[in-house]
N, C-alpha and C. Protein backbone atom coordinates (compact mmCIF):
# COMPACT_ATOMS: atom_id res chain seq x y z
N MET A 1 -52.04 -88.79 -64.87
CA MET A 1 -51.29 -89.97 -65.28
C MET A 1 -50.09 -89.58 -66.16
N TYR A 2 -50.31 -88.60 -67.03
CA TYR A 2 -49.26 -88.12 -67.94
C TYR A 2 -48.07 -87.60 -67.14
N ILE A 3 -48.34 -86.80 -66.11
CA ILE A 3 -47.27 -86.21 -65.30
C ILE A 3 -46.49 -87.30 -64.56
N ILE A 4 -47.18 -88.26 -63.99
CA ILE A 4 -46.51 -89.34 -63.27
C ILE A 4 -45.63 -90.14 -64.23
N PHE A 5 -46.17 -90.44 -65.40
CA PHE A 5 -45.42 -91.21 -66.40
C PHE A 5 -44.14 -90.47 -66.80
N ILE A 6 -44.27 -89.20 -67.19
CA ILE A 6 -43.12 -88.42 -67.64
C ILE A 6 -42.12 -88.22 -66.50
N SER A 7 -42.62 -87.87 -65.30
CA SER A 7 -41.72 -87.56 -64.19
C SER A 7 -40.92 -88.77 -63.72
N VAL A 8 -41.42 -89.97 -63.95
CA VAL A 8 -40.73 -91.18 -63.53
C VAL A 8 -39.98 -91.82 -64.70
N PHE A 9 -40.62 -91.92 -65.85
CA PHE A 9 -40.06 -92.61 -67.01
C PHE A 9 -38.80 -91.93 -67.55
N VAL A 10 -38.85 -90.63 -67.75
CA VAL A 10 -37.71 -89.91 -68.34
C VAL A 10 -36.44 -90.06 -67.50
N PRO A 11 -36.47 -89.79 -66.18
CA PRO A 11 -35.22 -89.93 -65.43
C PRO A 11 -34.70 -91.36 -65.35
N ILE A 12 -35.59 -92.34 -65.28
CA ILE A 12 -35.14 -93.74 -65.23
C ILE A 12 -34.45 -94.12 -66.53
N VAL A 13 -35.06 -93.74 -67.65
CA VAL A 13 -34.46 -94.04 -68.95
C VAL A 13 -33.11 -93.33 -69.10
N LEU A 14 -33.06 -92.05 -68.73
CA LEU A 14 -31.79 -91.32 -68.83
C LEU A 14 -30.71 -91.94 -67.95
N ALA A 15 -31.06 -92.29 -66.73
CA ALA A 15 -30.08 -92.87 -65.80
C ALA A 15 -29.55 -94.22 -66.30
N ALA A 16 -30.35 -94.93 -67.08
CA ALA A 16 -29.93 -96.23 -67.61
C ALA A 16 -29.21 -96.10 -68.96
N VAL A 17 -29.74 -95.27 -69.84
CA VAL A 17 -29.25 -95.22 -71.22
C VAL A 17 -27.99 -94.36 -71.37
N VAL A 18 -27.96 -93.20 -70.76
CA VAL A 18 -26.82 -92.28 -70.96
C VAL A 18 -25.49 -92.91 -70.54
N PRO A 19 -25.38 -93.53 -69.36
CA PRO A 19 -24.10 -94.16 -69.01
C PRO A 19 -23.71 -95.28 -69.99
N ALA A 20 -24.69 -96.03 -70.47
CA ALA A 20 -24.39 -97.09 -71.43
C ALA A 20 -23.83 -96.51 -72.73
N VAL A 21 -24.42 -95.42 -73.18
CA VAL A 21 -23.93 -94.75 -74.40
C VAL A 21 -22.51 -94.21 -74.17
N MET A 22 -22.29 -93.62 -73.02
CA MET A 22 -20.97 -93.06 -72.71
C MET A 22 -19.91 -94.17 -72.63
N ARG A 23 -20.25 -95.28 -72.00
CA ARG A 23 -19.30 -96.41 -71.92
C ARG A 23 -19.02 -96.97 -73.30
N ARG A 24 -20.06 -97.09 -74.09
CA ARG A 24 -19.91 -97.62 -75.46
C ARG A 24 -19.00 -96.72 -76.29
N ALA A 25 -19.02 -95.43 -75.98
CA ALA A 25 -18.15 -94.48 -76.68
C ALA A 25 -16.72 -94.52 -76.14
N GLY A 26 -16.48 -95.38 -75.17
CA GLY A 26 -15.13 -95.54 -74.64
C GLY A 26 -14.72 -94.53 -73.59
N LEU A 27 -15.69 -93.93 -72.93
CA LEU A 27 -15.39 -92.91 -71.92
C LEU A 27 -15.29 -93.57 -70.54
N ALA A 28 -14.09 -94.00 -70.21
CA ALA A 28 -13.86 -94.72 -68.96
C ALA A 28 -14.08 -93.84 -67.73
N GLU A 29 -13.85 -92.54 -67.87
CA GLU A 29 -14.01 -91.62 -66.74
C GLU A 29 -15.48 -91.35 -66.39
N GLU A 30 -16.38 -91.82 -67.22
CA GLU A 30 -17.81 -91.55 -67.03
C GLU A 30 -18.29 -91.94 -65.65
N ARG A 31 -17.88 -93.08 -65.16
CA ARG A 31 -18.37 -93.59 -63.87
C ARG A 31 -18.06 -92.62 -62.72
N ARG A 32 -16.91 -91.98 -62.81
CA ARG A 32 -16.48 -91.03 -61.78
C ARG A 32 -17.46 -89.86 -61.62
N TRP A 33 -18.09 -89.49 -62.70
CA TRP A 33 -18.97 -88.32 -62.71
C TRP A 33 -20.44 -88.68 -62.71
N ARG A 34 -20.79 -89.95 -62.65
CA ARG A 34 -22.17 -90.39 -62.82
C ARG A 34 -23.13 -89.84 -61.78
N TRP A 35 -22.65 -89.56 -60.61
CA TRP A 35 -23.56 -89.05 -59.58
C TRP A 35 -24.17 -87.73 -60.01
N TRP A 36 -23.50 -86.95 -60.88
CA TRP A 36 -24.08 -85.71 -61.42
C TRP A 36 -25.30 -86.04 -62.27
N LEU A 37 -25.21 -87.13 -63.04
CA LEU A 37 -26.36 -87.56 -63.84
C LEU A 37 -27.50 -87.97 -62.93
N TYR A 38 -27.20 -88.74 -61.89
CA TYR A 38 -28.24 -89.17 -60.96
C TYR A 38 -28.88 -87.98 -60.24
N ALA A 39 -28.07 -87.01 -59.86
CA ALA A 39 -28.60 -85.79 -59.23
C ALA A 39 -29.52 -85.05 -60.20
N ALA A 40 -29.13 -84.99 -61.47
CA ALA A 40 -29.97 -84.34 -62.48
C ALA A 40 -31.30 -85.07 -62.62
N CYS A 41 -31.26 -86.39 -62.65
CA CYS A 41 -32.49 -87.18 -62.80
C CYS A 41 -33.42 -87.01 -61.60
N ILE A 42 -32.86 -86.99 -60.41
CA ILE A 42 -33.68 -86.77 -59.21
C ILE A 42 -34.30 -85.38 -59.24
N LEU A 43 -33.52 -84.39 -59.65
CA LEU A 43 -34.02 -83.02 -59.76
C LEU A 43 -35.15 -82.94 -60.78
N PHE A 44 -35.02 -83.66 -61.89
CA PHE A 44 -36.07 -83.68 -62.90
C PHE A 44 -37.36 -84.22 -62.29
N TRP A 45 -37.27 -85.33 -61.56
CA TRP A 45 -38.44 -85.94 -60.94
C TRP A 45 -39.09 -84.99 -59.93
N VAL A 46 -38.27 -84.40 -59.06
CA VAL A 46 -38.77 -83.50 -58.02
C VAL A 46 -39.46 -82.28 -58.64
N SER A 47 -38.91 -81.78 -59.74
CA SER A 47 -39.42 -80.54 -60.34
C SER A 47 -40.89 -80.62 -60.74
N TRP A 48 -41.37 -81.80 -61.04
CA TRP A 48 -42.76 -81.96 -61.46
C TRP A 48 -43.74 -81.74 -60.31
N TYR A 49 -43.25 -81.78 -59.09
CA TYR A 49 -44.13 -81.69 -57.93
C TYR A 49 -43.93 -80.40 -57.13
N LEU A 50 -43.14 -79.49 -57.67
CA LEU A 50 -42.92 -78.19 -57.03
C LEU A 50 -44.01 -77.21 -57.46
N PRO A 51 -44.46 -76.34 -56.57
CA PRO A 51 -45.46 -75.35 -56.97
C PRO A 51 -44.84 -74.29 -57.88
N SER A 52 -45.64 -73.79 -58.80
CA SER A 52 -45.19 -72.74 -59.71
C SER A 52 -46.02 -71.48 -59.50
N PRO A 53 -45.42 -70.33 -59.73
CA PRO A 53 -46.15 -69.07 -59.51
C PRO A 53 -47.16 -68.80 -60.61
N LEU A 54 -48.15 -67.98 -60.26
CA LEU A 54 -49.05 -67.47 -61.29
C LEU A 54 -48.30 -66.35 -62.01
N ILE A 55 -48.35 -66.36 -63.31
CA ILE A 55 -47.74 -65.31 -64.11
C ILE A 55 -48.84 -64.69 -64.96
N GLU A 56 -49.02 -63.40 -64.78
CA GLU A 56 -50.09 -62.67 -65.47
C GLU A 56 -51.45 -63.33 -65.21
N GLY A 57 -51.62 -63.81 -63.97
CA GLY A 57 -52.88 -64.40 -63.56
C GLY A 57 -53.13 -65.82 -64.05
N ARG A 58 -52.14 -66.41 -64.71
CA ARG A 58 -52.31 -67.77 -65.24
C ARG A 58 -51.40 -68.75 -64.51
N ASP A 59 -51.90 -69.96 -64.36
CA ASP A 59 -51.11 -71.03 -63.79
C ASP A 59 -50.03 -71.41 -64.81
N THR A 60 -48.81 -71.52 -64.34
CA THR A 60 -47.71 -71.87 -65.24
C THR A 60 -46.95 -73.06 -64.69
N SER A 61 -46.02 -73.53 -65.46
CA SER A 61 -45.10 -74.57 -64.98
C SER A 61 -43.68 -73.98 -64.93
N PHE A 62 -43.60 -72.72 -64.51
CA PHE A 62 -42.32 -72.00 -64.50
C PHE A 62 -41.28 -72.71 -63.64
N THR A 63 -41.66 -73.10 -62.43
CA THR A 63 -40.71 -73.76 -61.53
C THR A 63 -40.27 -75.11 -62.09
N THR A 64 -41.21 -75.84 -62.67
CA THR A 64 -40.88 -77.12 -63.28
C THR A 64 -39.83 -76.94 -64.36
N HIS A 65 -40.01 -75.94 -65.20
CA HIS A 65 -39.05 -75.70 -66.28
C HIS A 65 -37.74 -75.12 -65.75
N PHE A 66 -37.80 -74.26 -64.75
CA PHE A 66 -36.59 -73.68 -64.17
C PHE A 66 -35.71 -74.78 -63.57
N VAL A 67 -36.32 -75.65 -62.76
CA VAL A 67 -35.57 -76.70 -62.07
C VAL A 67 -35.37 -77.92 -62.97
N GLY A 68 -36.48 -78.45 -63.50
CA GLY A 68 -36.43 -79.69 -64.28
C GLY A 68 -36.02 -79.50 -65.71
N GLY A 69 -35.95 -78.26 -66.16
CA GLY A 69 -35.47 -77.97 -67.50
C GLY A 69 -34.08 -77.38 -67.45
N GLY A 70 -33.96 -76.22 -66.82
CA GLY A 70 -32.69 -75.50 -66.81
C GLY A 70 -31.62 -76.07 -65.91
N ILE A 71 -31.92 -76.21 -64.62
CA ILE A 71 -30.91 -76.72 -63.70
C ILE A 71 -30.60 -78.18 -64.01
N PHE A 72 -31.62 -78.96 -64.34
CA PHE A 72 -31.41 -80.35 -64.78
C PHE A 72 -30.43 -80.40 -65.94
N THR A 73 -30.64 -79.55 -66.95
CA THR A 73 -29.77 -79.54 -68.12
C THR A 73 -28.35 -79.12 -67.74
N GLY A 74 -28.24 -78.17 -66.80
CA GLY A 74 -26.92 -77.77 -66.34
C GLY A 74 -26.15 -78.93 -65.72
N LEU A 75 -26.83 -79.72 -64.90
CA LEU A 75 -26.18 -80.88 -64.28
C LEU A 75 -25.86 -81.95 -65.31
N LEU A 76 -26.76 -82.18 -66.26
CA LEU A 76 -26.52 -83.14 -67.34
C LEU A 76 -25.33 -82.69 -68.18
N TRP A 77 -25.28 -81.41 -68.51
CA TRP A 77 -24.18 -80.83 -69.29
C TRP A 77 -22.85 -81.03 -68.55
N TYR A 78 -22.85 -80.78 -67.26
CA TYR A 78 -21.62 -80.93 -66.48
C TYR A 78 -21.16 -82.39 -66.47
N TYR A 79 -22.09 -83.31 -66.32
CA TYR A 79 -21.77 -84.75 -66.36
C TYR A 79 -21.13 -85.12 -67.69
N VAL A 80 -21.74 -84.69 -68.78
CA VAL A 80 -21.20 -85.01 -70.11
C VAL A 80 -19.84 -84.34 -70.31
N LYS A 81 -19.75 -83.08 -69.95
CA LYS A 81 -18.51 -82.32 -70.09
C LYS A 81 -17.36 -83.00 -69.35
N GLN A 82 -17.59 -83.38 -68.11
CA GLN A 82 -16.56 -84.02 -67.31
C GLN A 82 -16.23 -85.41 -67.85
N SER A 83 -17.24 -86.15 -68.28
CA SER A 83 -17.01 -87.49 -68.82
C SER A 83 -16.16 -87.43 -70.08
N LEU A 84 -16.37 -86.40 -70.88
CA LEU A 84 -15.59 -86.22 -72.11
C LEU A 84 -14.20 -85.66 -71.82
N GLY A 85 -14.03 -85.07 -70.64
CA GLY A 85 -12.77 -84.40 -70.32
C GLY A 85 -12.62 -83.11 -71.11
N TRP A 86 -13.74 -82.50 -71.45
CA TRP A 86 -13.74 -81.31 -72.29
C TRP A 86 -13.59 -80.05 -71.46
N ARG A 87 -12.69 -79.19 -71.90
CA ARG A 87 -12.50 -77.88 -71.28
C ARG A 87 -12.39 -76.86 -72.40
N SER A 88 -12.96 -75.71 -72.16
CA SER A 88 -12.89 -74.66 -73.16
C SER A 88 -13.01 -73.31 -72.47
N ARG A 89 -13.01 -72.27 -73.27
CA ARG A 89 -13.22 -70.93 -72.73
C ARG A 89 -14.64 -70.83 -72.21
N TRP A 90 -14.85 -69.93 -71.25
CA TRP A 90 -16.15 -69.81 -70.60
C TRP A 90 -17.26 -69.50 -71.60
N MET A 91 -16.97 -68.70 -72.62
CA MET A 91 -18.00 -68.31 -73.59
C MET A 91 -18.45 -69.53 -74.42
N VAL A 92 -17.51 -70.38 -74.78
CA VAL A 92 -17.84 -71.59 -75.54
C VAL A 92 -18.62 -72.56 -74.66
N GLU A 93 -18.21 -72.69 -73.41
CA GLU A 93 -18.94 -73.57 -72.49
C GLU A 93 -20.37 -73.08 -72.28
N LEU A 94 -20.51 -71.78 -72.06
CA LEU A 94 -21.85 -71.21 -71.86
C LEU A 94 -22.71 -71.40 -73.10
N PHE A 95 -22.13 -71.19 -74.27
CA PHE A 95 -22.88 -71.39 -75.52
C PHE A 95 -23.30 -72.85 -75.67
N SER A 96 -22.41 -73.79 -75.33
CA SER A 96 -22.77 -75.21 -75.46
C SER A 96 -23.90 -75.57 -74.51
N LEU A 97 -23.89 -75.00 -73.30
CA LEU A 97 -24.99 -75.24 -72.35
C LEU A 97 -26.28 -74.64 -72.88
N PHE A 98 -26.21 -73.42 -73.42
CA PHE A 98 -27.40 -72.78 -73.98
C PHE A 98 -27.95 -73.59 -75.16
N ALA A 99 -27.07 -74.11 -76.00
CA ALA A 99 -27.51 -74.94 -77.13
C ALA A 99 -28.22 -76.20 -76.63
N LEU A 100 -27.66 -76.82 -75.58
CA LEU A 100 -28.27 -78.04 -75.04
C LEU A 100 -29.62 -77.75 -74.40
N VAL A 101 -29.71 -76.70 -73.58
CA VAL A 101 -30.99 -76.39 -72.93
C VAL A 101 -32.03 -75.98 -73.98
N SER A 102 -31.61 -75.32 -75.03
CA SER A 102 -32.53 -74.93 -76.10
C SER A 102 -33.03 -76.15 -76.86
N ALA A 103 -32.13 -77.07 -77.18
CA ALA A 103 -32.52 -78.28 -77.90
C ALA A 103 -33.48 -79.13 -77.07
N LEU A 104 -33.14 -79.34 -75.79
CA LEU A 104 -34.02 -80.14 -74.94
C LEU A 104 -35.36 -79.44 -74.70
N GLY A 105 -35.34 -78.11 -74.57
CA GLY A 105 -36.58 -77.35 -74.42
C GLY A 105 -37.46 -77.46 -75.64
N CYS A 106 -36.85 -77.41 -76.81
CA CYS A 106 -37.60 -77.56 -78.06
C CYS A 106 -38.24 -78.95 -78.15
N ILE A 107 -37.46 -79.97 -77.82
CA ILE A 107 -38.00 -81.33 -77.82
C ILE A 107 -39.17 -81.43 -76.85
N ASN A 108 -39.03 -80.84 -75.66
CA ASN A 108 -40.10 -80.86 -74.68
C ASN A 108 -41.37 -80.20 -75.21
N GLU A 109 -41.22 -79.04 -75.83
CA GLU A 109 -42.39 -78.33 -76.37
C GLU A 109 -43.05 -79.13 -77.49
N LEU A 110 -42.27 -79.81 -78.31
CA LEU A 110 -42.83 -80.65 -79.37
C LEU A 110 -43.57 -81.85 -78.78
N VAL A 111 -43.03 -82.42 -77.70
CA VAL A 111 -43.72 -83.53 -77.02
C VAL A 111 -45.03 -83.04 -76.41
N GLU A 112 -45.01 -81.85 -75.79
CA GLU A 112 -46.24 -81.28 -75.24
C GLU A 112 -47.28 -81.08 -76.34
N LEU A 113 -46.87 -80.53 -77.46
CA LEU A 113 -47.78 -80.33 -78.58
C LEU A 113 -48.35 -81.66 -79.06
N GLY A 114 -47.50 -82.65 -79.21
CA GLY A 114 -47.95 -83.97 -79.64
C GLY A 114 -48.93 -84.59 -78.65
N ALA A 115 -48.66 -84.45 -77.36
CA ALA A 115 -49.55 -85.01 -76.33
C ALA A 115 -50.91 -84.33 -76.36
N VAL A 116 -50.92 -83.02 -76.56
CA VAL A 116 -52.19 -82.28 -76.63
C VAL A 116 -52.97 -82.69 -77.87
N LYS A 117 -52.30 -82.72 -79.00
CA LYS A 117 -52.98 -83.05 -80.27
C LYS A 117 -53.45 -84.50 -80.31
N ALA A 118 -52.75 -85.39 -79.60
CA ALA A 118 -53.15 -86.80 -79.55
C ALA A 118 -54.21 -87.05 -78.48
N GLY A 119 -54.55 -86.01 -77.71
CA GLY A 119 -55.56 -86.15 -76.68
C GLY A 119 -55.05 -86.81 -75.41
N LEU A 120 -53.74 -86.88 -75.23
CA LEU A 120 -53.16 -87.51 -74.05
C LEU A 120 -53.05 -86.56 -72.87
N SER A 121 -53.15 -85.27 -73.15
CA SER A 121 -52.98 -84.26 -72.11
C SER A 121 -53.80 -83.03 -72.44
N ARG A 122 -54.13 -82.27 -71.40
CA ARG A 122 -54.87 -81.02 -71.58
C ARG A 122 -54.00 -79.82 -71.24
N LEU A 123 -52.77 -79.87 -71.63
CA LEU A 123 -51.86 -78.76 -71.38
C LEU A 123 -52.27 -77.55 -72.21
N THR A 124 -52.01 -76.36 -71.67
CA THR A 124 -52.18 -75.18 -72.50
C THR A 124 -50.85 -74.93 -73.19
N LEU A 125 -50.92 -74.53 -74.42
CA LEU A 125 -49.70 -74.29 -75.18
C LEU A 125 -49.37 -72.80 -75.23
N GLU A 126 -50.03 -72.02 -74.38
CA GLU A 126 -49.84 -70.57 -74.38
C GLU A 126 -48.63 -70.13 -73.56
N ASP A 127 -48.04 -71.03 -72.79
CA ASP A 127 -46.96 -70.63 -71.89
C ASP A 127 -45.57 -70.98 -72.43
N THR A 128 -45.47 -71.27 -73.70
CA THR A 128 -44.19 -71.68 -74.29
C THR A 128 -43.07 -70.67 -74.05
N ASN A 129 -43.39 -69.39 -74.20
CA ASN A 129 -42.35 -68.36 -73.99
C ASN A 129 -41.85 -68.37 -72.55
N TRP A 130 -42.77 -68.54 -71.60
CA TRP A 130 -42.36 -68.61 -70.19
C TRP A 130 -41.52 -69.87 -69.94
N ASP A 131 -41.89 -70.96 -70.60
CA ASP A 131 -41.12 -72.20 -70.46
C ASP A 131 -39.69 -72.01 -70.95
N ILE A 132 -39.54 -71.37 -72.10
CA ILE A 132 -38.20 -71.12 -72.66
C ILE A 132 -37.39 -70.23 -71.72
N LEU A 133 -38.04 -69.19 -71.20
CA LEU A 133 -37.36 -68.29 -70.26
C LEU A 133 -36.92 -69.05 -69.01
N ALA A 134 -37.82 -69.85 -68.45
CA ALA A 134 -37.50 -70.61 -67.23
C ALA A 134 -36.36 -71.59 -67.49
N ASN A 135 -36.40 -72.30 -68.61
CA ASN A 135 -35.31 -73.23 -68.96
C ASN A 135 -33.98 -72.49 -69.04
N SER A 136 -33.98 -71.36 -69.74
CA SER A 136 -32.74 -70.60 -69.93
C SER A 136 -32.21 -70.03 -68.62
N LEU A 137 -33.11 -69.49 -67.79
CA LEU A 137 -32.68 -68.95 -66.49
C LEU A 137 -32.14 -70.05 -65.58
N GLY A 138 -32.79 -71.20 -65.60
CA GLY A 138 -32.31 -72.33 -64.80
C GLY A 138 -30.92 -72.77 -65.23
N ALA A 139 -30.69 -72.82 -66.54
CA ALA A 139 -29.37 -73.19 -67.06
C ALA A 139 -28.34 -72.13 -66.68
N LEU A 140 -28.74 -70.86 -66.71
CA LEU A 140 -27.82 -69.78 -66.33
C LEU A 140 -27.44 -69.89 -64.85
N VAL A 141 -28.40 -70.22 -64.00
CA VAL A 141 -28.12 -70.42 -62.57
C VAL A 141 -27.17 -71.62 -62.40
N ALA A 142 -27.42 -72.69 -63.15
CA ALA A 142 -26.53 -73.86 -63.07
C ALA A 142 -25.12 -73.49 -63.51
N TYR A 143 -25.01 -72.68 -64.56
CA TYR A 143 -23.69 -72.27 -65.04
C TYR A 143 -22.99 -71.38 -64.01
N ALA A 144 -23.75 -70.51 -63.37
CA ALA A 144 -23.18 -69.67 -62.31
C ALA A 144 -22.65 -70.55 -61.18
N GLY A 145 -23.40 -71.58 -60.83
CA GLY A 145 -22.94 -72.54 -59.82
C GLY A 145 -21.67 -73.24 -60.27
N TYR A 146 -21.60 -73.57 -61.54
CA TYR A 146 -20.39 -74.19 -62.09
C TYR A 146 -19.21 -73.23 -61.98
N LEU A 147 -19.42 -71.97 -62.29
CA LEU A 147 -18.33 -70.99 -62.19
C LEU A 147 -17.85 -70.84 -60.75
N LEU A 148 -18.79 -70.89 -59.80
CA LEU A 148 -18.44 -70.71 -58.40
C LEU A 148 -17.83 -71.96 -57.76
N VAL A 149 -18.34 -73.13 -58.14
CA VAL A 149 -17.92 -74.37 -57.49
C VAL A 149 -17.23 -75.33 -58.46
N GLY A 150 -17.82 -75.53 -59.60
CA GLY A 150 -17.35 -76.55 -60.54
C GLY A 150 -15.96 -76.33 -61.08
N ARG A 151 -15.59 -75.10 -61.30
CA ARG A 151 -14.25 -74.83 -61.82
C ARG A 151 -13.17 -75.27 -60.84
N ARG A 152 -13.49 -75.22 -59.56
CA ARG A 152 -12.53 -75.71 -58.55
C ARG A 152 -12.34 -77.22 -58.69
N ILE A 153 -13.43 -77.90 -59.00
CA ILE A 153 -13.38 -79.35 -59.19
C ILE A 153 -12.60 -79.68 -60.46
N ASP A 154 -12.75 -78.83 -61.49
CA ASP A 154 -12.12 -79.06 -62.79
C ASP A 154 -10.60 -78.90 -62.78
N ARG A 155 -10.08 -78.10 -61.85
CA ARG A 155 -8.65 -77.81 -61.87
C ARG A 155 -7.83 -79.09 -61.80
N PRO A 156 -6.80 -79.17 -62.64
CA PRO A 156 -5.93 -80.35 -62.58
C PRO A 156 -5.26 -80.45 -61.21
N ARG A 157 -5.15 -81.65 -60.72
CA ARG A 157 -4.50 -81.86 -59.42
C ARG A 157 -2.99 -81.88 -59.60
N ARG A 158 -2.30 -81.30 -58.65
CA ARG A 158 -0.83 -81.23 -58.74
C ARG A 158 -0.20 -82.29 -57.88
């Protein structure tokens, strides 16, 4: 029940709340880029149902974190970046993505800890390092995709 709730509730709330916050902040260009947010939310939902590999003989949620943590965050970051009209050097952009994936990963781990301690879930808390690695690798793959494809989209039109 916990997985179904999180996999459905989080993307629906994000898809509804984030555009409202962006519009309230006066970002008129937000609508143009919103499909990136929707793609991120769908990816988050799908990630909960993908199989994950055994690592050191233990069941992990590596794929969930790689796709629903890292790549999801990369798409969310791109949506926000484009909505803000923000451009910077590649190192600053990569650092901002890493900061976002780290912050969201930390929030996720705290929610997992809270769910376990409240008796809402029977998650093992031993895979946190693998979760962080998967989140970071997924974000790195998303950034590589941005470098290959997204920068072409970013170029000013003549």
